[in-house]
PDB file of N, CA and C in Angstrom:
ATOM      1  N   MET A   1       5.347   2.177  38.491  1.00  0.00           N
ATOM      2  CA  MET A   1       5.133   1.147  38.107  1.00  0.00           C
ATOM      3  C   MET A   1       3.475   0.892  37.178  1.00  0.00           C
ATOM      4  N   SER A   2       3.559   0.188  36.163  1.00  0.00           N
ATOM      5  CA  SER A   2       2.339   0.295  35.206  1.00  0.00           C
ATOM      6  C   SER A   2       1.801  -0.903  35.714  1.00  0.00           C
ATOM      7  N   LEU A   3       0.241  -1.059  35.564  1.00  0.00           N
ATOM      8  CA  LEU A   3      -0.509  -1.974  35.470  1.00  0.00           C
ATOM      9  C   LEU A   3      -0.951  -2.680  34.183  1.00  0.00           C
ATOM     10  N   ARG A   4      -0.276  -1.962  33.029  1.00  0.00           N
ATOM     11  CA  ARG A   4      -0.411  -2.515  31.754  1.00  0.00           C
ATOM     12  C   ARG A   4       0.497  -3.389  31.838  1.00  0.00           C
ATOM     13  N   THR A   5       0.070  -4.693  31.021  1.00  0.00           N
ATOM     14  CA  THR A   5       0.456  -5.454  30.019  1.00  0.00           C
ATOM     15  C   THR A   5       1.361  -5.184  28.960  1.00  0.00           C
ATOM     16  N   PRO A   6       2.835  -5.928  28.716  1.00  0.00           N
ATOM     17  CA  PRO A   6       3.694  -5.314  27.843  1.00  0.00           C
ATOM     18  C   PRO A   6       3.015  -5.205  26.773  1.00  0.00           C
ATOM     19  N   LEU A   7       1.522  -6.436  26.371  1.00  0.00           N
ATOM     20  CA  LEU A   7       1.213  -6.344  25.425  1.00  0.00           C
ATOM     21  C   LEU A   7       0.479  -5.355  24.926  1.00  0.00           C
ATOM     22  N   ALA A   8       0.113  -4.661  26.025  1.00  0.00           N
ATOM     23  CA  ALA A   8      -0.900  -3.239  25.953  1.00  0.00           C
ATOM     24  C   ALA A   8      -0.465  -2.472  25.526  1.00  0.00           C
ATOM     25  N   GLU A   9       1.126  -2.248  26.158  1.00  0.00           N
ATOM     26  CA  GLU A   9       1.422  -1.196  25.855  1.00  0.00           C
ATOM     27  C   GLU A   9       2.255  -1.113  24.297  1.00  0.00           C
ATOM     28  N   VAL A  10       2.579  -2.097  23.901  1.00  0.00           N
ATOM     29  CA  VAL A  10       2.694  -2.017  22.186  1.00  0.00           C
ATOM     30  C   VAL A  10       1.753  -1.903  21.172  1.00  0.00           C
ATOM     31  N   ARG A  11       0.424  -2.305  21.909  1.00  0.00           N
ATOM     32  CA  ARG A  11      -0.655  -2.069  20.702  1.00  0.00           C
ATOM     33  C   ARG A  11      -1.004  -0.128  20.705  1.00  0.00           C
ATOM     34  N   GLY A  12      -1.433  -0.278  19.406  1.00  0.00           N
ATOM     35  CA  GLY A  12      -1.721   1.148  18.908  1.00  0.00           C
ATOM     36  C   GLY A  12      -0.392   1.820  18.693  1.00  0.00           C
ATOM     37  N   LEU A  13       1.024   1.188  18.486  1.00  0.00           N
ATOM     38  CA  LEU A  13       2.044   2.081  18.432  1.00  0.00           C
ATOM     39  C   LEU A  13       2.522   1.911  16.798  1.00  0.00           C
ATOM     40  N   GLY A  14       1.385   1.464  16.129  1.00  0.00           N
ATOM     41  CA  GLY A  14       1.675   1.237  14.653  1.00  0.00           C
ATOM     42  C   GLY A  14       2.027  -0.007  14.097  1.00  0.00           C
ATOM     43  N   SER A  15       1.790   0.031  12.539  1.00  0.00           N
ATOM     44  CA  SER A  15       2.238  -1.444  12.472  1.00  0.00           C
ATOM     45  C   SER A  15       3.825  -1.561  12.294  1.00  0.00           C
ATOM     46  N   ALA A  16       4.388  -3.015  11.820  1.00  0.00           N
ATOM     47  CA  ALA A  16       5.757  -2.551  11.579  1.00  0.00           C
ATOM     48  C   ALA A  16       5.688  -3.541   9.913  1.00  0.00           C
ATOM     49  N   ARG A  17       4.759  -3.361   9.499  1.00  0.00           N
ATOM     50  CA  ARG A  17       4.706  -3.524   7.968  1.00  0.00           C
ATOM     51  C   ARG A  17       5.538  -2.704   7.121  1.00  0.00           C
ATOM     52  N   GLN A  18       6.047  -1.460   7.387  1.00  0.00           N
ATOM     53  CA  GLN A  18       6.515  -0.529   6.577  1.00  0.00           C
ATOM     54  C   GLN A  18       8.295  -1.264   6.456  1.00  0.00           C
ATOM     55  N   GLY A  19       8.437  -1.952   7.463  1.00  0.00           N
ATOM     56  CA  GLY A  19       9.898  -1.893   8.004  1.00  0.00           C
ATOM     57  C   GLY A  19      10.101  -2.855   6.611  1.00  0.00           C
ATOM     58  N   ALA A  20       9.383  -3.951   6.364  1.00  0.00           N
ATOM     59  CA  ALA A  20       9.883  -4.923   5.491  1.00  0.00           C
ATOM     60  C   ALA A  20      10.125  -4.296   3.869  1.00  0.00           C
ATOM     61  N   HIS A  21       9.051  -3.721   3.682  1.00  0.00           N
ATOM     62  CA  HIS A  21       9.145  -2.902   2.287  1.00  0.00           C
ATOM     63  C   HIS A  21      10.474  -1.938   2.713  1.00  0.00           C
ATOM     64  N   HIS A  22      10.648  -0.884   3.424  1.00  0.00           N
ATOM     65  CA  HIS A  22      12.000  -0.239   3.521  1.00  0.00           C
ATOM     66  C   HIS A  22      12.959  -1.238   3.203  1.00  0.00           C
ATOM     67  N   TRP A  23      12.769  -2.612   4.149  1.00  0.00           N
ATOM     68  CA  TRP A  23      14.441  -3.226   3.869  1.00  0.00           C
ATOM     69  C   TRP A  23      14.649  -3.787   2.452  1.00  0.00           C
ATOM     70  N   TRP A  24      13.590  -3.950   1.646  1.00  0.00           N
ATOM     71  CA  TRP A  24      13.483  -4.327   0.407  1.00  0.00           C
ATOM     72  C   TRP A  24      14.046  -3.840  -0.558  1.00  0.00           C
ATOM     73  N   MET A  25      13.149  -2.175  -0.235  1.00  0.00           N
ATOM     74  CA  MET A  25      13.990  -1.219  -1.390  1.00  0.00           C
ATOM     75  C   MET A  25      15.076  -0.994  -1.038  1.00  0.00           C
ATOM     76  N   GLN A  26      15.813  -1.316  -0.037  1.00  0.00           N
ATOM     77  CA  GLN A  26      17.440  -0.752   0.414  1.00  0.00           C
ATOM     78  C   GLN A  26      18.164  -2.124  -0.431  1.00  0.00           C
ATOM     79  N   ARG A  27      17.818  -3.352  -0.291  1.00  0.00           N
ATOM     80  CA  ARG A  27      18.430  -4.042  -1.075  1.00  0.00           C
ATOM     81  C   ARG A  27      18.211  -4.102  -2.535  1.00  0.00           C
ATOM     82  N   ILE A  28      16.899  -3.663  -3.057  1.00  0.00           N
ATOM     83  CA  ILE A  28      16.635  -3.896  -4.129  1.00  0.00           C
ATOM     84  C   ILE A  28      17.644  -2.541  -4.928  1.00  0.00           C
ATOM     85  N   THR A  29      17.660  -1.416  -4.410  1.00  0.00           N
ATOM     86  CA  THR A  29      18.476  -0.153  -4.870  1.00  0.00           C
ATOM     87  C   THR A  29      20.137  -0.448  -4.807  1.00  0.00           C
ATOM     88  N   ALA A  30      20.385  -1.101  -3.672  1.00  0.00           N
ATOM     89  CA  ALA A  30      21.793  -1.827  -3.322  1.00  0.00           C
ATOM     90  C   ALA A  30      22.412  -2.676  -4.948  1.00  0.00           C
ATOM     91  N   VAL A  31      21.304  -3.823  -5.081  1.00  0.00           N
ATOM     92  CA  VAL A  31      21.358  -4.465  -6.182  1.00  0.00           C
ATOM     93  C   VAL A  31      21.729  -3.874  -7.739  1.00  0.00           C
ATOM     94  N   MET A  32      20.552  -2.792  -7.736  1.00  0.00           N
ATOM     95  CA  MET A  32      20.627  -1.970  -8.863  1.00  0.00           C
ATOM     96  C   MET A  32      22.047  -1.127  -8.942  1.00  0.00           C
ATOM     97  N   LEU A  33      22.564  -0.807  -8.036  1.00  0.00           N
ATOM     98  CA  LEU A  33      23.798   0.031  -7.855  1.00  0.00           C
ATOM     99  C   LEU A  33      25.139  -0.687  -8.360  1.00  0.00           C
ATOM    100  N   VAL A  34      25.173  -2.390  -8.181  1.00  0.00           N
ATOM    101  CA  VAL A  34      26.428  -2.577  -8.647  1.00  0.00           C
ATOM    102  C   VAL A  34      26.594  -2.765  -9.873  1.00  0.00           C
ATOM    103  N   PRO A  35      25.777  -2.911 -10.763  1.00  0.00           N
ATOM    104  CA  PRO A  35      26.189  -2.554 -12.667  1.00  0.00           C
ATOM    105  C   PRO A  35      26.047  -1.374 -13.018  1.00  0.00           C
ATOM    106  N   LEU A  36      25.193  -0.485 -12.168  1.00  0.00           N
ATOM    107  CA  LEU A  36      25.330   0.787 -12.601  1.00  0.00           C
ATOM    108  C   LEU A  36      26.688   1.181 -12.040  1.00  0.00           C
ATOM    109  N   PHE A  37      27.222   1.150 -11.202  1.00  0.00           N
ATOM    110  CA  PHE A  37      28.486   1.841 -10.795  1.00  0.00           C
ATOM    111  C   PHE A  37      29.793   0.881 -11.664  1.00  0.00           C
ATOM    112  N   ILE A  38      29.551  -0.119 -11.971  1.00  0.00           N
ATOM    113  CA  ILE A  38      30.590  -0.889 -12.774  1.00  0.00           C
ATOM    114  C   ILE A  38      30.658   0.112 -14.506  1.00  0.00           C
ATOM    115  N   TRP A  39      29.255   0.101 -14.818  1.00  0.00           N
ATOM    116  CA  TRP A  39      29.299   1.408 -15.957  1.00  0.00           C
ATOM    117  C   TRP A  39      29.977   2.350 -16.088  1.00  0.00           C
ATOM    118  N   PHE A  40      29.448   2.973 -14.982  1.00  0.00           N
ATOM    119  CA  PHE A  40      29.925   4.111 -14.679  1.00  0.00           C
ATOM    120  C   PHE A  40      31.200   4.524 -14.486  1.00  0.00           C
ATOM    121  N   ILE A  41      32.187   3.787 -13.832  1.00  0.00           N
ATOM    122  CA  ILE A  41      33.612   3.831 -13.237  1.00  0.00           C
ATOM    123  C   ILE A  41      34.212   3.309 -14.756  1.00  0.00           C
ATOM    124  N   GLY A  42      33.700   2.476 -15.773  1.00  0.00           N
ATOM    125  CA  GLY A  42      33.804   2.363 -17.122  1.00  0.00           C
ATOM    126  C   GLY A  42      33.987   3.221 -17.984  1.00  0.00           C
ATOM    127  N   MET A  43      32.596   4.065 -17.732  1.00  0.00           N
ATOM    128  CA  MET A  43      32.782   5.445 -18.582  1.00  0.00           C
ATOM    129  C   MET A  43      33.802   6.274 -17.950  1.00  0.00           C
ATOM    130  N   MET A  44      34.129   6.376 -17.102  1.00  0.00           N
ATOM    131  CA  MET A  44      34.824   7.512 -16.650  1.00  0.00           C
ATOM    132  C   MET A  44      36.120   6.791 -17.020  1.00  0.00           C
ATOM    133  N   VAL A  45      36.363   5.750 -17.009  1.00  0.00           N
ATOM    134  CA  VAL A  45      37.946   5.580 -17.619  1.00  0.00           C
ATOM    135  C   VAL A  45      37.977   5.818 -19.226  1.00  0.00           C
ATOM    136  N   THR A  46      37.082   5.484 -19.708  1.00  0.00           N
ATOM    137  CA  THR A  46      36.864   5.738 -21.089  1.00  0.00           C
ATOM    138  C   THR A  46      36.953   7.107 -21.309  1.00  0.00           C
ATOM    139  N   VAL A  47      36.780   8.347 -20.505  1.00  0.00           N
ATOM    140  CA  VAL A  47      36.545   9.648 -20.698  1.00  0.00           C
ATOM    141  C   VAL A  47      37.332  10.278 -20.306  1.00  0.00           C
ATOM    142  N   VAL A  48      38.840   9.563 -19.415  1.00  0.00           N
ATOM    143  CA  VAL A  48      39.528  10.504 -18.746  1.00  0.00           C
ATOM    144  C   VAL A  48      40.713  11.453 -19.716  1.00  0.00           C
ATOM    145  N   THR A  49      40.803  10.583 -20.816  1.00  0.00           N
ATOM    146  CA  THR A  49      41.862  11.598 -21.704  1.00  0.00           C
ATOM    147  C   THR A  49      40.831  12.386 -22.662  1.00  0.00           C
ATOM    148  N   GLY A  50      39.347  12.399 -22.562  1.00  0.00           N
ATOM    149  CA  GLY A  50      38.644  13.050 -23.467  1.00  0.00           C
ATOM    150  C   GLY A  50      38.152  14.898 -23.243  1.00  0.00           C
ATOM    151  N   SER A  51      37.873  15.060 -24.087  1.00  0.00           N
ATOM    152  CA  SER A  51      38.009  16.391 -24.129  1.00  0.00           C
ATOM    153  C   SER A  51      36.792  17.005 -23.329  1.00  0.00           C
ATOM    154  N   HIS A  52      36.673  18.191 -22.971  1.00  0.00           N
ATOM    155  CA  HIS A  52      35.214  18.917 -22.435  1.00  0.00           C
ATOM    156  C   HIS A  52      33.943  18.387 -23.385  1.00  0.00           C
ATOM    157  N   ALA A  53      34.320  18.622 -24.712  1.00  0.00           N
ATOM    158  CA  ALA A  53      33.343  19.061 -25.451  1.00  0.00           C
ATOM    159  C   ALA A  53      33.182  16.819 -25.760  1.00  0.00           C
ATOM    160  N   GLU A  54      34.082  16.263 -25.561  1.00  0.00           N
ATOM    161  CA  GLU A  54      33.641  15.123 -26.333  1.00  0.00           C
ATOM    162  C   GLU A  54      33.084  14.180 -25.166  1.00  0.00           C
ATOM    163  N   VAL A  55      33.102  14.758 -23.513  1.00  0.00           N
ATOM    164  CA  VAL A  55      32.290  14.201 -22.824  1.00  0.00           C
ATOM    165  C   VAL A  55      30.945  14.601 -22.875  1.00  0.00           C
ATOM    166  N   GLU A  56      30.832  16.279 -23.182  1.00  0.00           N
ATOM    167  CA  GLU A  56      29.363  16.733 -23.113  1.00  0.00           C
ATOM    168  C   GLU A  56      28.834  15.351 -24.298  1.00  0.00           C
ATOM    169  N   GLU A  57      29.277  15.054 -25.406  1.00  0.00           N
ATOM    170  CA  GLU A  57      28.817  14.590 -26.432  1.00  0.00           C
ATOM    171  C   GLU A  57      28.621  13.132 -25.957  1.00  0.00           C
ATOM    172  N   LEU A  58      29.443  12.703 -24.849  1.00  0.00           N
ATOM    173  CA  LEU A  58      28.862  11.116 -24.493  1.00  0.00           C
ATOM    174  C   LEU A  58      27.342  11.430 -23.881  1.00  0.00           C
ATOM    175  N   ILE A  59      27.368  12.330 -22.976  1.00  0.00           N
ATOM    176  CA  ILE A  59      25.773  12.695 -22.414  1.00  0.00           C
ATOM    177  C   ILE A  59      25.068  13.126 -22.765  1.00  0.00           C
ATOM    178  N   ARG A  60      25.072  13.511 -24.426  1.00  0.00           N
ATOM    179  CA  ARG A  60      23.796  13.848 -25.208  1.00  0.00           C
ATOM    180  C   ARG A  60      23.536  12.560 -25.894  1.00  0.00           C
ATOM    181  N   SER A  61      23.794  11.359 -25.864  1.00  0.00           N
ATOM    182  CA  SER A  61      23.162   9.930 -25.936  1.00  0.00           C
ATOM    183  C   SER A  61      22.173   9.527 -25.182  1.00  0.00           C
ATOM    184  N   PRO A  62      21.184   9.357 -25.585  1.00  0.00           N
ATOM    185  CA  PRO A  62      19.690   9.549 -24.749  1.00  0.00           C
ATOM    186  C   PRO A  62      20.362   8.299 -23.550  1.00  0.00           C
ATOM    187  N   ILE A  63      21.020   7.077 -24.176  1.00  0.00           N
ATOM    188  CA  ILE A  63      21.088   5.901 -23.537  1.00  0.00           C
ATOM    189  C   ILE A  63      22.162   6.187 -22.076  1.00  0.00           C
ATOM    190  N   ILE A  64      23.247   6.942 -22.749  1.00  0.00           N
ATOM    191  CA  ILE A  64      23.897   7.529 -21.658  1.00  0.00           C
ATOM    192  C   ILE A  64      23.237   8.589 -20.838  1.00  0.00           C
ATOM    193  N   ALA A  65      22.352   9.467 -20.936  1.00  0.00           N
ATOM    194  CA  ALA A  65      22.070   9.963 -19.867  1.00  0.00           C
ATOM    195  C   ALA A  65      21.125   9.243 -19.064  1.00  0.00           C
ATOM    196  N   GLY A  66      20.095   8.286 -19.962  1.00  0.00           N
ATOM    197  CA  GLY A  66      19.224   7.837 -19.201  1.00  0.00           C
ATOM    198  C   GLY A  66      19.820   6.642 -17.975  1.00  0.00           C
ATOM    199  N   ALA A  67      21.218   6.293 -18.537  1.00  0.00           N
ATOM    200  CA  ALA A  67      21.723   5.698 -17.247  1.00  0.00           C
ATOM    201  C   ALA A  67      22.375   6.349 -16.361  1.00  0.00           C
ATOM    202  N   LEU A  68      22.687   7.334 -16.839  1.00  0.00           N
ATOM    203  CA  LEU A  68      23.539   8.296 -15.448  1.00  0.00           C
ATOM    204  C   LEU A  68      21.956   9.044 -14.708  1.00  0.00           C
ATOM    205  N   LEU A  69      20.420   9.423 -15.528  1.00  0.00           N
ATOM    206  CA  LEU A  69      19.846   9.196 -14.428  1.00  0.00           C
ATOM    207  C   LEU A  69      19.003   8.506 -13.629  1.00  0.00           C
ATOM    208  N   THR A  70      19.654   6.769 -14.024  1.00  0.00           N
ATOM    209  CA  THR A  70      18.813   5.923 -13.079  1.00  0.00           C
ATOM    210  C   THR A  70      20.000   5.834 -12.134  1.00  0.00           C
ATOM    211  N   LEU A  71      21.165   5.844 -12.365  1.00  0.00           N
ATOM    212  CA  LEU A  71      22.342   5.955 -11.372  1.00  0.00           C
ATOM    213  C   LEU A  71      21.960   7.158 -10.427  1.00  0.00           C
ATOM    214  N   ILE A  72      21.919   8.301 -11.009  1.00  0.00           N
ATOM    215  CA  ILE A  72      21.538   9.543  -9.876  1.00  0.00           C
ATOM    216  C   ILE A  72      20.473   9.295  -9.035  1.00  0.00           C
ATOM    217  N   ILE A  73      19.317   8.672  -9.346  1.00  0.00           N
ATOM    218  CA  ILE A  73      18.016   8.528  -8.817  1.00  0.00           C
ATOM    219  C   ILE A  73      18.354   7.534  -7.617  1.00  0.00           C
ATOM    220  N   THR A  74      18.727   6.473  -7.919  1.00  0.00           N
ATOM    221  CA  THR A  74      19.347   5.264  -7.600  1.00  0.00           C
ATOM    222  C   THR A  74      19.955   5.558  -6.399  1.00  0.00           C
ATOM    223  N   ILE A  75      20.860   6.220  -6.105  1.00  0.00           N
ATOM    224  CA  ILE A  75      21.920   6.672  -5.336  1.00  0.00           C
ATOM    225  C   ILE A  75      21.345   7.497  -4.189  1.00  0.00           C
ATOM    226  N   PHE A  76      20.461   8.234  -4.737  1.00  0.00           N
ATOM    227  CA  PHE A  76      20.194   9.043  -3.571  1.00  0.00           C
ATOM    228  C   PHE A  76      19.084   8.343  -3.323  1.00  0.00           C
ATOM    229  N   TYR A  77      18.083   8.018  -3.646  1.00  0.00           N
ATOM    230  CA  TYR A  77      17.279   6.994  -2.957  1.00  0.00           C
ATOM    231  C   TYR A  77      17.809   5.938  -2.016  1.00  0.00           C
ATOM    232  N   HIS A  78      18.580   5.180  -2.456  1.00  0.00           N
ATOM    233  CA  HIS A  78      19.451   4.112  -1.763  1.00  0.00           C
ATOM    234  C   HIS A  78      19.998   4.974  -0.235  1.00  0.00           C
ATOM    235  N   ALA A  79      20.760   6.177  -0.645  1.00  0.00           N
ATOM    236  CA  ALA A  79      21.298   6.854   0.549  1.00  0.00           C
ATOM    237  C   ALA A  79      20.194   7.678   1.445  1.00  0.00           C
ATOM    238  N   ALA A  80      18.898   7.687   1.083  1.00  0.00           N
ATOM    239  CA  ALA A  80      18.113   8.319   1.846  1.00  0.00           C
ATOM    240  C   ALA A  80      17.403   7.099   2.914  1.00  0.00           C
ATOM    241  N   LEU A  81      17.308   5.797   2.089  1.00  0.00           N
ATOM    242  CA  LEU A  81      17.161   4.679   3.148  1.00  0.00           C
ATOM    243  C   LEU A  81      17.913   4.523   3.754  1.00  0.00           C
ATOM    244  N   GLY A  82      18.711   4.559   3.855  1.00  0.00           N
ATOM    245  CA  GLY A  82      20.296   4.059   4.585  1.00  0.00           C
ATOM    246  C   GLY A  82      20.204   5.158   6.041  1.00  0.00           C
ATOM    247  N   LEU A  83      20.064   6.159   5.412  1.00  0.00           N
ATOM    248  CA  LEU A  83      20.255   7.428   6.441  1.00  0.00           C
ATOM    249  C   LEU A  83      19.307   7.498   7.350  1.00  0.00           C
ATOM    250  N   GLN A  84      17.902   7.292   6.480  1.00  0.00           N
ATOM    251  CA  GLN A  84      16.659   6.835   7.902  1.00  0.00           C
ATOM    252  C   GLN A  84      17.262   5.962   8.865  1.00  0.00           C
ATOM    253  N   VAL A  85      17.898   4.790   8.396  1.00  0.00           N
ATOM    254  CA  VAL A  85      17.883   3.915   9.343  1.00  0.00           C
ATOM    255  C   VAL A  85      18.737   4.463  10.359  1.00  0.00           C
ATOM    256  N   VAL A  86      19.857   4.686   9.818  1.00  0.00           N
ATOM    257  CA  VAL A  86      20.644   5.506  10.866  1.00  0.00           C
ATOM    258  C   VAL A  86      20.176   6.319  11.864  1.00  0.00           C
ATOM    259  N   ILE A  87      19.453   7.172  11.454  1.00  0.00           N
ATOM    260  CA  ILE A  87      18.399   8.175  12.092  1.00  0.00           C
ATOM    261  C   ILE A  87      17.972   7.498  13.085  1.00  0.00           C
ATOM    262  N   GLU A  88      17.095   6.344  12.485  1.00  0.00           N
ATOM    263  CA  GLU A  88      16.346   6.015  13.787  1.00  0.00           C
ATOM    264  C   GLU A  88      17.028   5.011  14.773  1.00  0.00           C
ATOM    265  N   ASP A  89      17.970   4.587  14.355  1.00  0.00           N
ATOM    266  CA  ASP A  89      18.468   3.793  15.358  1.00  0.00           C
ATOM    267  C   ASP A  89      19.201   4.618  16.667  1.00  0.00           C
ATOM    268  N   TYR A  90      19.863   6.135  16.573  1.00  0.00           N
ATOM    269  CA  TYR A  90      20.730   6.946  16.994  1.00  0.00           C
ATOM    270  C   TYR A  90      20.109   7.840  17.255  1.00  0.00           C
ATOM    271  N   VAL A  91      19.094   8.130  17.175  1.00  0.00           N
ATOM    272  CA  VAL A  91      18.501   9.626  17.335  1.00  0.00           C
ATOM    273  C   VAL A  91      17.266   9.030  18.295  1.00  0.00           C
ATOM    274  N   SER A  92      17.327   9.416  19.637  1.00  0.00           N
ATOM    275  CA  SER A  92      16.265   8.635  20.381  1.00  0.00           C
ATOM    276  C   SER A  92      15.281   9.551  20.297  1.00  0.00           C
ATOM    277  N   ALA A  93      15.279  10.404  20.383  1.00  0.00           N
ATOM    278  CA  ALA A  93      14.292  12.062  21.083  1.00  0.00           C
ATOM    279  C   ALA A  93      13.258  11.899  19.343  1.00  0.00           C
ATOM    280  N   GLU A  94      11.621  11.574  20.205  1.00  0.00           N
ATOM    281  CA  GLU A  94      10.775  11.443  18.603  1.00  0.00           C
ATOM    282  C   GLU A  94      10.969  12.816  17.277  1.00  0.00           C
ATOM    283  N   GLY A  95      11.099  13.939  18.222  1.00  0.00           N
ATOM    284  CA  GLY A  95      10.458  15.055  17.333  1.00  0.00           C
ATOM    285  C   GLY A  95      11.926  15.249  16.709  1.00  0.00           C
ATOM    286  N   THR A  96      13.474  15.044  17.603  1.00  0.00           N
ATOM    287  CA  THR A  96      14.422  15.208  16.801  1.00  0.00           C
ATOM    288  C   THR A  96      14.825  14.386  15.610  1.00  0.00           C
ATOM    289  N   GLN A  97      14.455  13.254  15.888  1.00  0.00           N
ATOM    290  CA  GLN A  97      14.390  12.266  14.657  1.00  0.00           C
ATOM    291  C   GLN A  97      13.214  12.810  13.238  1.00  0.00           C
ATOM    292  N   LEU A  98      12.179  12.991  13.836  1.00  0.00           N
ATOM    293  CA  LEU A  98      11.599  13.525  12.666  1.00  0.00           C
ATOM    294  C   LEU A  98      12.191  14.348  11.995  1.00  0.00           C
ATOM    295  N   GLY A  99      12.643  15.537  12.917  1.00  0.00           N
ATOM    296  CA  GLY A  99      13.249  16.967  12.047  1.00  0.00           C
ATOM    297  C   GLY A  99      14.736  16.596  11.599  1.00  0.00           C
ATOM    298  N   ALA A 100      15.189  15.816  11.833  1.00  0.00           N
ATOM    299  CA  ALA A 100      16.854  15.225  11.345  1.00  0.00           C
ATOM    300  C   ALA A 100      16.681  14.358   9.662  1.00  0.00           C
ATOM    301  N   ILE A 101      15.281  13.550   9.620  1.00  0.00           N
ATOM    302  CA  ILE A 101      14.825  12.893   9.142  1.00  0.00           C
ATOM    303  C   ILE A 101      14.112  14.015   7.670  1.00  0.00           C
ATOM    304  N   ILE A 102      13.635  14.910   7.934  1.00  0.00           N
ATOM    305  CA  ILE A 102      13.038  15.773   7.211  1.00  0.00           C
ATOM    306  C   ILE A 102      13.812  16.722   6.493  1.00  0.00           C
ATOM    307  N   VAL A 103      14.923  17.342   7.326  1.00  0.00           N
ATOM    308  CA  VAL A 103      16.070  17.722   6.638  1.00  0.00           C
ATOM    309  C   VAL A 103      17.098  17.046   6.234  1.00  0.00           C
ATOM    310  N   MET A 104      17.408  15.767   6.432  1.00  0.00           N
ATOM    311  CA  MET A 104      18.074  14.797   5.382  1.00  0.00           C
ATOM    312  C   MET A 104      17.147  14.645   4.387  1.00  0.00           C
ATOM    313  N   ARG A 105      15.901  14.129   4.126  1.00  0.00           N
ATOM    314  CA  ARG A 105      15.288  14.296   2.805  1.00  0.00           C
ATOM    315  C   ARG A 105      15.377  15.428   2.120  1.00  0.00           C
ATOM    316  N   PHE A 106      15.294  16.396   3.019  1.00  0.00           N
ATOM    317  CA  PHE A 106      15.306  17.916   2.147  1.00  0.00           C
ATOM    318  C   PHE A 106      16.056  18.021   1.171  1.00  0.00           C
ATOM    319  N   ILE A 107      17.832  18.149   2.392  1.00  0.00           N
ATOM    320  CA  ILE A 107      18.970  17.889   1.073  1.00  0.00           C
ATOM    321  C   ILE A 107      19.454  16.903   0.046  1.00  0.00           C
ATOM    322  N   LEU A 108      18.799  15.983   0.495  1.00  0.00           N
ATOM    323  CA  LEU A 108      19.181  14.808  -0.506  1.00  0.00           C
ATOM    324  C   LEU A 108      18.273  15.045  -1.875  1.00  0.00           C
ATOM    325  N   GLY A 109      16.963  15.548  -1.479  1.00  0.00           N
ATOM    326  CA  GLY A 109      16.217  15.838  -2.562  1.00  0.00           C
ATOM    327  C   GLY A 109      16.815  16.842  -3.729  1.00  0.00           C
ATOM    328  N   LEU A 110      17.290  18.013  -2.560  1.00  0.00           N
ATOM    329  CA  LEU A 110      17.791  19.167  -3.316  1.00  0.00           C
ATOM    330  C   LEU A 110      18.767  18.751  -4.350  1.00  0.00           C
ATOM    331  N   LEU A 111      19.785  18.266  -3.568  1.00  0.00           N
ATOM    332  CA  LEU A 111      20.943  17.585  -4.228  1.00  0.00           C
ATOM    333  C   LEU A 111      20.700  16.507  -5.574  1.00  0.00           C
ATOM    334  N   ALA A 112      19.790  15.956  -5.508  1.00  0.00           N
ATOM    335  CA  ALA A 112      19.420  15.210  -6.565  1.00  0.00           C
ATOM    336  C   ALA A 112      18.614  15.389  -7.653  1.00  0.00           C
ATOM    337  N   ALA A 113      17.975  16.583  -7.255  1.00  0.00           N
ATOM    338  CA  ALA A 113      17.014  17.608  -8.429  1.00  0.00           C
ATOM    339  C   ALA A 113      18.201  18.276  -9.111  1.00  0.00           C
ATOM    340  N   ILE A 114      19.132  19.075  -8.575  1.00  0.00           N
ATOM    341  CA  ILE A 114      20.454  19.704  -9.203  1.00  0.00           C
ATOM    342  C   ILE A 114      20.864  18.486  -9.851  1.00  0.00           C
ATOM    343  N   SER A 115      21.291  17.487  -9.361  1.00  0.00           N
ATOM    344  CA  SER A 115      21.906  16.243 -10.662  1.00  0.00           C
ATOM    345  C   SER A 115      20.971  16.319 -11.475  1.00  0.00           C
ATOM    346  N   VAL A 116      20.100  15.693 -11.622  1.00  0.00           N
ATOM    347  CA  VAL A 116      19.114  15.596 -12.595  1.00  0.00           C
ATOM    348  C   VAL A 116      18.788  16.360 -13.722  1.00  0.00           C
ATOM    349  N   VAL A 117      19.007  18.014 -13.254  1.00  0.00           N
ATOM    350  CA  VAL A 117      18.678  19.106 -13.905  1.00  0.00           C
ATOM    351  C   VAL A 117      20.299  19.304 -14.505  1.00  0.00           C
ATOM    352  N   SER A 118      21.385  18.822 -14.275  1.00  0.00           N
ATOM    353  CA  SER A 118      22.476  19.284 -14.852  1.00  0.00           C
ATOM    354  C   SER A 118      22.545  18.195 -15.810  1.00  0.00           C
ATOM    355  N   VAL A 119      22.125  16.735 -15.982  1.00  0.00           N
ATOM    356  CA  VAL A 119      22.138  16.153 -16.990  1.00  0.00           C
ATOM    357  C   VAL A 119      21.399  16.444 -17.838  1.00  0.00           C
ATOM    358  N   PHE A 120      20.299  16.816 -17.403  1.00  0.00           N
ATOM    359  CA  PHE A 120      19.081  17.142 -18.809  1.00  0.00           C
ATOM    360  C   PHE A 120      19.932  18.517 -19.565  1.00  0.00           C
ATOM    361  N   LYS A 121      20.591  19.377 -18.450  1.00  0.00           N
ATOM    362  CA  LYS A 121      21.091  20.445 -19.501  1.00  0.00           C
ATOM    363  C   LYS A 121      21.900  20.189 -20.592  1.00  0.00           C
ATOM    364  N   VAL A 122      22.775  19.351 -19.609  1.00  0.00           N
ATOM    365  CA  VAL A 122      24.058  18.918 -20.855  1.00  0.00           C
ATOM    366  C   VAL A 122      23.458  17.518 -22.202  1.00  0.00           C
ATOM    367  N   ALA A 123      22.313  17.038 -21.672  1.00  0.00           N
ATOM    368  CA  ALA A 123      21.962  15.953 -22.752  1.00  0.00           C
ATOM    369  C   ALA A 123      20.920  16.713 -23.832  1.00  0.00           C
ATOM    370  N   VAL A 124      20.309  18.134 -23.429  1.00  0.00           N
ATOM    371  CA  VAL A 124      19.536  18.547 -24.195  1.00  0.00           C
ATOM    372  C   VAL A 124      20.467  19.645 -25.457  1.00  0.00           C
ATOM    373  N   GLY A 125      21.773  19.673 -24.449  1.00  0.00           N
ATOM    374  CA  GLY A 125      22.093  20.989 -24.996  1.00  0.00           C
ATOM    375  C   GLY A 125      22.282  22.195 -24.628  1.00  0.00           C
ATOM    376  N   GLY A 126      21.598  22.647 -23.579  1.00  0.00           N
ATOM    377  CA  GLY A 126      21.176  24.113 -23.154  1.00  0.00           C
ATOM    378  C   GLY A 126      22.422  24.309 -22.346  1.00  0.00           C
TER     379      GLY A 126
END
């Protein structure tokens, strides 16, 4: 039994201000992904019958490469935000929670970097 009031127990646990930023970033990235996915699906439909060289030529366009990079970065950032919420909600041990978030961010960062480098490599003809 504790003699501390509920208010005393929650003081010093940190600010909840990051939650609003996290929530807004999740919504902004979700809204950004809607037109990007529509564009991406449309692009995939148009190149489905194209040759490998035609697809590479399409990606060499600065506008297409920029849109692909925006899509990739937004997807991975949105995924990181969402997975962090899932980990925070369902992993109760603080150490395990922190470890899972670090591993998740590392894996998503690595996959995002590989994807970005791949687009750059095709875009510059390397």
